[in-house]
Amino acid sequence: MLRIGLIGAGMIGATHAAVLQQIAAGLAGRIELSAVADPLPDRRRFFQEFYGFRRSYAGGDELLREAEIDALFVCTPTHDHA
């Protein structure tokens, strides 16, 4: 099982999440959308409900500390990547 995390639930994050959701559906049981992080609660909730992320976090640091993930998509503005 490949557990995927995503930081940033804006427009770019939604684009990535939609593709990940399609890939996960085609590889049922082999990929899990495990965790999403965004500072806005409504965005986090939407990503959980619409894309199927299992858990959500208010920030990337929290996600990295607590979530069990194997791969991470960083979908934030470039200046926030570090």
Protein backbone atom coordinates (compact mmCIF):
# COMPACT_ATOMS: atom_id res chain seq x y z
CA MET A 1 0.00 0.00 0.00
CA LEU A 2 1.42 3.38 -1.05
CA ARG A 3 0.20 6.08 1.36
CA ILE A 4 0.13 9.55 -0.14
CA GLY A 5 0.12 12.93 1.58
CA LEU A 6 -0.61 16.32 0.05
CA ILE A 7 0.26 19.75 1.41
CA GLY A 8 -1.76 22.63 -0.02
CA ALA A 9 -5.47 22.36 -0.78
CA GLY A 10 -5.71 25.21 -3.27
CA MET A 11 -6.10 25.08 -7.04
CA ILE A 12 -2.87 23.17 -7.71
CA GLY A 13 -3.59 20.79 -4.83
CA ALA A 14 -7.06 20.10 -6.25
CA THR A 15 -5.56 19.31 -9.65
CA HIS A 16 -3.11 16.86 -8.10
CA ALA A 17 -5.79 15.35 -5.84
CA ALA A 18 -8.14 14.72 -8.78
CA VAL A 19 -5.44 12.82 -10.66
CA LEU A 20 -4.40 10.91 -7.55
CA GLN A 21 -8.02 9.97 -6.91
CA GLN A 22 -8.30 8.53 -10.44
CA ILE A 23 -5.05 6.61 -10.08
CA ALA A 24 -6.12 5.26 -6.68
CA ALA A 25 -9.45 4.10 -8.14
CA GLY A 26 -7.64 2.22 -10.91
CA LEU A 27 -5.26 0.60 -8.44
CA ALA A 28 -7.81 -0.20 -5.76
CA GLY A 29 -6.18 -1.29 -2.53
CA ARG A 30 -2.67 -0.32 -3.66
CA ILE A 31 -2.80 3.46 -3.14
CA GLU A 32 -4.33 5.38 -0.24
CA LEU A 33 -4.89 9.13 -0.08
CA SER A 34 -3.75 9.28 3.54
CA ALA A 35 -3.39 12.90 4.59
CA VAL A 36 -3.94 16.48 3.43
CA ALA A 37 -2.69 19.67 5.07
CA ASP A 38 -3.98 23.20 4.64
CA PRO A 39 -4.48 26.08 7.09
CA LEU A 40 -8.12 26.56 6.04
CA PRO A 41 -10.52 24.11 7.75
CA ASP A 42 -13.12 24.26 4.97
CA ARG A 43 -10.56 23.27 2.36
CA ARG A 44 -9.31 20.38 4.48
CA ARG A 45 -12.85 19.15 5.02
CA PHE A 46 -13.63 19.39 1.30
CA PHE A 47 -10.52 17.39 0.37
CA GLN A 48 -11.45 14.69 2.84
CA GLU A 49 -15.05 14.46 1.65
CA PHE A 50 -14.56 14.94 -2.09
CA TYR A 51 -11.20 13.27 -2.76
CA GLY A 52 -11.23 10.76 0.08
CA PHE A 53 -8.20 11.76 2.13
CA ARG A 54 -8.35 9.88 5.43
CA ARG A 55 -6.90 12.55 7.72
CA SER A 56 -6.31 16.28 7.61
CA TYR A 57 -3.90 18.63 9.33
CA ALA A 58 -3.68 22.39 9.76
CA GLY A 59 -0.10 22.52 8.49
CA GLY A 60 2.58 20.61 6.67
CA ASP A 61 4.80 20.31 9.74
CA GLU A 62 2.00 18.60 11.63
CA LEU A 63 1.31 16.25 8.72
CA LEU A 64 4.99 15.30 8.48
CA ARG A 65 5.19 14.63 12.22
CA GLU A 66 2.00 12.62 12.59
CA ALA A 67 0.87 11.10 9.31
CA GLU A 68 2.12 7.77 8.08
CA ILE A 69 2.93 8.48 4.43
CA ASP A 70 5.25 7.07 1.79
CA ALA A 71 5.04 9.90 -0.75
CA LEU A 72 4.26 13.60 -0.49
CA PHE A 73 2.97 16.17 -2.97
CA VAL A 74 3.82 19.77 -2.06
CA CYS A 75 1.23 21.98 -3.76
CA THR A 76 2.00 25.33 -2.21
CA PRO A 77 3.60 28.48 -3.65
CA THR A 78 7.29 27.96 -4.37
CA HIS A 79 8.45 30.26 -1.56
CA ASP A 80 6.74 27.94 0.96
CA HIS A 81 8.47 24.74 -0.20
CA ALA A 82 11.42 24.92 2.15
